[in-house]
Amino acid sequence: PLLVGGYSEIDITPVALTDVEKWLTFHPVIPRGIEIKANRMVSRGYIVSGKNEEAVKYCENILNNSGGIIFLKRWTEDAIAFGNGYGKLVPNKADTEIVYVDIKHPVYFGYLKEKNSNNEWQIIIDSKTNRPKGFSQYRYTSGGEKERFGQVIPLDEVAHLAFDRWGDEIEGTSIMQYLQTTLGNIINIENAGAQAGYLSGNPRY
């Protein structure tokens, strides 16, 4: 799936990340559902546990500095909505320890990729480790073209959260991949109803 497979191999069109954000603003039902799900997941709080007390305290400080429950809620919502939640580990000035985790937008951040012969973005795999080479930032031109920029970010500098993955895929699946047809039908029905109401209230010759 990383190199030649994925949705295109089985004739499924993946929802573009930019379209996910558009869909999320089209109708309030999906964003509200994501928020309710995320609230349920984090409302009970969290516990950092382990045998090493120093390590536990270290991780607790990172979570607290990152925003605690608010950070976990945002991270969770990204993972559900876009399929992936990313957090850049931010060190102190001396670069001796991690201070907090900075949430990155899934549309503009992700695994290091390059375009293949079919003009599709493909994860770059390290031949020695058989793992992705790292992460990168992305941006979009005025024409809507996606492009990579900035330095390559090592794997150990990013916290990646993904709930819904199939087989050996390393990227998560957006909830909109499942709901795009259903939501599209709902919007079409609402538009048709609004148009019918408008025409009946405003007769045209």
Protein backbone atom coordinates (compact mmCIF):
# COMPACT_ATOMS: atom_id res chain seq x y z
CA PRO A 1 0.00 0.00 0.00
CA LEU A 2 2.88 2.42 0.68
CA LEU A 3 4.45 2.13 -2.76
CA VAL A 4 2.01 0.89 -5.41
CA GLY A 5 -1.25 0.16 -3.60
CA GLY A 6 -3.76 2.24 -1.74
CA TYR A 7 -7.24 3.32 -2.75
CA SER A 8 -6.41 3.78 -6.42
CA GLU A 9 -5.52 0.09 -6.78
CA ILE A 10 -9.05 -0.96 -5.79
CA ASP A 11 -10.82 1.82 -7.69
CA ILE A 12 -11.66 3.98 -4.68
CA THR A 13 -11.07 7.71 -4.87
CA PRO A 14 -9.58 9.03 -1.63
CA VAL A 15 -11.00 12.27 -0.28
CA ALA A 16 -8.42 15.04 -0.63
CA LEU A 17 -7.49 16.67 2.68
CA THR A 18 -8.47 20.09 1.35
CA ASP A 19 -11.90 18.66 0.48
CA VAL A 20 -12.23 17.20 3.99
CA GLU A 21 -12.07 20.68 5.45
CA LYS A 22 -14.63 21.93 2.92
CA TRP A 23 -17.00 19.05 3.74
CA LEU A 24 -16.63 19.71 7.45
CA THR A 25 -17.90 23.26 6.95
CA PHE A 26 -20.77 22.27 4.63
CA HIS A 27 -22.97 20.73 7.31
CA PRO A 28 -22.92 21.02 11.13
CA VAL A 29 -23.79 17.37 11.81
CA ILE A 30 -20.35 15.86 11.15
CA PRO A 31 -18.25 18.42 13.10
CA ARG A 32 -20.65 18.19 16.03
CA GLY A 33 -20.46 14.39 15.98
CA ILE A 34 -16.65 14.55 15.97
CA GLU A 35 -16.71 16.97 18.90
CA ILE A 36 -19.06 14.75 20.92
CA LYS A 37 -16.88 11.69 20.25
CA ALA A 38 -13.71 13.56 21.23
CA ASN A 39 -15.35 14.93 24.39
CA ARG A 40 -16.32 11.42 25.47
CA MET A 41 -12.79 10.16 24.87
CA VAL A 42 -11.03 12.82 26.96
CA SER A 43 -13.67 13.80 29.53
CA ARG A 44 -12.52 11.16 32.02
CA GLY A 45 -9.06 12.71 32.12
CA TYR A 46 -5.82 10.86 31.60
CA ILE A 47 -3.17 9.05 33.62
CA VAL A 48 0.53 8.85 32.78
CA SER A 49 1.89 5.68 34.33
CA GLY A 50 5.11 3.69 34.35
CA LYS A 51 7.79 2.22 36.56
CA ASN A 52 10.18 5.13 36.08
CA GLU A 53 8.87 8.01 38.18
CA GLU A 54 11.20 10.53 36.53
CA ALA A 55 9.96 9.56 33.07
CA VAL A 56 6.34 9.72 34.21
CA LYS A 57 6.83 13.21 35.63
CA TYR A 58 8.61 14.27 32.43
CA CYS A 59 5.69 13.10 30.25
CA GLU A 60 3.13 14.69 32.57
CA ASN A 61 4.91 18.05 32.26
CA ILE A 62 4.91 17.79 28.46
CA LEU A 63 1.16 17.10 28.40
CA ASN A 64 0.41 19.90 30.86
CA ASN A 65 2.55 22.40 28.92
CA SER A 66 0.83 21.35 25.69
CA GLY A 67 -2.62 22.12 27.08
CA GLY A 68 -3.62 18.92 28.88
CA ILE A 69 -7.17 17.89 28.05
CA ILE A 70 -7.54 20.67 25.46
CA PHE A 71 -4.47 19.37 23.62
CA LEU A 72 -5.78 15.79 23.67
CA LYS A 73 -9.20 16.95 22.41
CA ARG A 74 -7.71 18.83 19.45
CA TRP A 75 -5.38 15.96 18.62
CA THR A 76 -8.28 13.50 18.76
CA GLU A 77 -10.56 15.64 16.59
CA ASP A 78 -7.86 15.94 13.92
CA ALA A 79 -7.33 12.17 13.93
CA ILE A 80 -11.05 11.50 13.47
CA ALA A 81 -11.78 14.24 10.94
CA PHE A 82 -8.67 13.99 8.77
CA GLY A 83 -7.52 10.48 9.67
CA ASN A 84 -4.28 11.77 11.19
CA GLY A 85 -3.34 13.98 14.11
CA TYR A 86 0.18 15.42 14.18
CA GLY A 87 2.11 17.07 16.99
CA LYS A 88 5.63 18.49 16.59
CA LEU A 89 7.79 17.85 19.67
CA VAL A 90 9.25 21.21 20.69
CA PRO A 91 12.55 21.19 22.67
CA ASN A 92 13.94 23.82 25.01
CA LYS A 93 16.55 26.35 23.84
CA ALA A 94 19.40 24.08 24.87
CA ASP A 95 17.78 21.23 22.89
CA THR A 96 18.17 18.88 25.84
CA GLU A 97 14.55 17.97 26.52
CA ILE A 98 11.04 18.24 25.04
CA VAL A 99 8.99 21.08 26.51
CA TYR A 100 5.62 20.72 24.77
CA VAL A 101 3.85 19.33 21.71
CA ASP A 102 2.72 21.77 18.99
CA ILE A 103 -0.37 20.63 17.05
CA LYS A 104 0.11 20.69 13.27
CA HIS A 105 -2.72 20.97 10.74
CA PRO A 106 -3.11 17.66 8.83
CA VAL A 107 -3.69 19.53 5.55
CA TYR A 108 -0.31 21.27 5.78
CA PHE A 109 1.73 18.59 7.53
CA GLY A 110 2.37 14.88 7.06
CA TYR A 111 4.75 12.15 6.04
CA LEU A 112 7.53 13.08 3.62
CA LYS A 113 6.18 12.45 0.12
CA GLU A 114 7.05 12.89 -3.53
CA LYS A 115 5.04 12.63 -6.74
CA ASN A 116 5.21 9.38 -8.70
CA SER A 117 4.84 8.86 -12.46
CA ASN A 118 1.03 9.12 -12.12
CA ASN A 119 1.36 12.54 -10.46
CA GLU A 120 0.20 11.06 -7.13
CA TRP A 121 1.83 11.86 -3.82
CA GLN A 122 3.69 8.85 -2.45
CA ILE A 123 5.39 8.32 0.93
CA ILE A 124 9.20 8.18 0.67
CA ILE A 125 10.44 4.98 2.30
CA ASP A 126 13.93 4.52 3.74
CA SER A 127 15.37 1.38 2.11
CA LYS A 128 17.42 0.59 5.23
CA THR A 129 14.63 0.74 7.80
CA ASN A 130 11.57 0.18 5.55
CA ARG A 131 9.96 3.08 7.39
CA PRO A 132 9.01 6.56 6.16
CA LYS A 133 12.00 8.87 5.95
CA GLY A 134 10.34 11.56 8.01
CA PHE A 135 7.73 14.31 7.98
CA SER A 136 7.39 17.53 6.03
CA GLN A 137 5.33 20.69 5.73
CA TYR A 138 3.15 21.34 2.68
CA ARG A 139 1.51 24.35 1.11
CA TYR A 140 -0.81 25.09 -1.80
CA THR A 141 -0.17 27.44 -4.68
CA SER A 142 -2.71 29.95 -5.99
CA GLY A 143 -3.68 27.32 -8.55
CA GLY A 144 -4.43 24.78 -5.84
CA GLU A 145 -1.30 22.69 -6.46
CA LYS A 146 0.24 21.02 -3.43
CA GLU A 147 3.97 21.43 -2.87
CA ARG A 148 6.47 20.44 -0.19
CA PHE A 149 8.66 23.01 1.53
CA GLY A 150 11.02 23.38 4.47
CA GLN A 151 13.39 20.87 5.99
CA VAL A 152 12.71 17.17 6.49
CA ILE A 153 11.51 16.54 10.05
CA PRO A 154 12.79 13.27 11.60
CA LEU A 155 10.28 10.62 12.68
CA ASP A 156 11.24 10.91 16.36
CA GLU A 157 10.35 14.61 16.44
CA VAL A 158 6.65 14.10 15.67
CA ALA A 159 3.82 12.46 17.61
CA HIS A 160 1.37 10.84 15.16
CA LEU A 161 -2.15 9.76 16.16
CA ALA A 162 -4.38 7.66 13.87
CA PHE A 163 -7.38 5.58 14.99
CA ASP A 164 -8.70 4.06 11.79
CA ARG A 165 -6.18 2.18 9.66
CA TRP A 166 -6.56 -0.84 7.39
CA GLY A 167 -3.99 -3.57 6.85
CA ASP A 168 -0.44 -2.24 6.96
CA GLU A 169 -1.30 1.35 6.11
CA ILE A 170 0.53 3.86 8.25
CA GLU A 171 -1.76 6.80 7.56
CA GLY A 172 -5.23 6.99 9.05
CA THR A 173 -8.53 7.15 7.18
CA SER A 174 -10.67 10.29 7.43
CA ILE A 175 -14.25 9.84 8.62
CA MET A 176 -15.27 11.75 5.48
CA GLN A 177 -14.05 8.82 3.36
CA TYR A 178 -17.03 6.87 4.70
CA LEU A 179 -19.56 9.69 4.83
CA GLN A 180 -18.94 11.65 1.63
CA THR A 181 -21.75 9.98 -0.35
CA THR A 182 -24.26 10.15 2.52
CA LEU A 183 -23.48 13.78 3.30
CA GLY A 184 -23.59 14.66 -0.39
CA ASN A 185 -27.09 13.15 -0.65
CA ILE A 186 -28.27 15.06 2.43
CA ILE A 187 -27.00 18.35 1.02
CA ASN A 188 -28.64 17.63 -2.37
CA ILE A 189 -31.98 16.89 -0.66
CA GLU A 190 -31.78 20.09 1.38
CA ASN A 191 -30.85 22.12 -1.69
CA ALA A 192 -33.73 20.60 -3.66
CA GLY A 193 -36.17 21.37 -0.84
CA ALA A 194 -34.94 24.94 -0.58
CA GLN A 195 -35.20 25.40 -4.34
CA ALA A 196 -38.73 23.95 -4.41
CA GLY A 197 -39.77 26.27 -1.58
CA TYR A 198 -38.27 29.24 -3.36
CA LEU A 199 -40.00 28.45 -6.67
CA SER A 200 -43.38 27.86 -5.02
CA GLY A 201 -43.10 31.09 -3.07
CA ASN A 202 -41.81 33.07 -6.03
CA PRO A 203 -43.73 31.92 -9.16
CA ARG A 204 -41.98 32.43 -12.44
CA TYR A 205 -43.69 32.83 -15.80
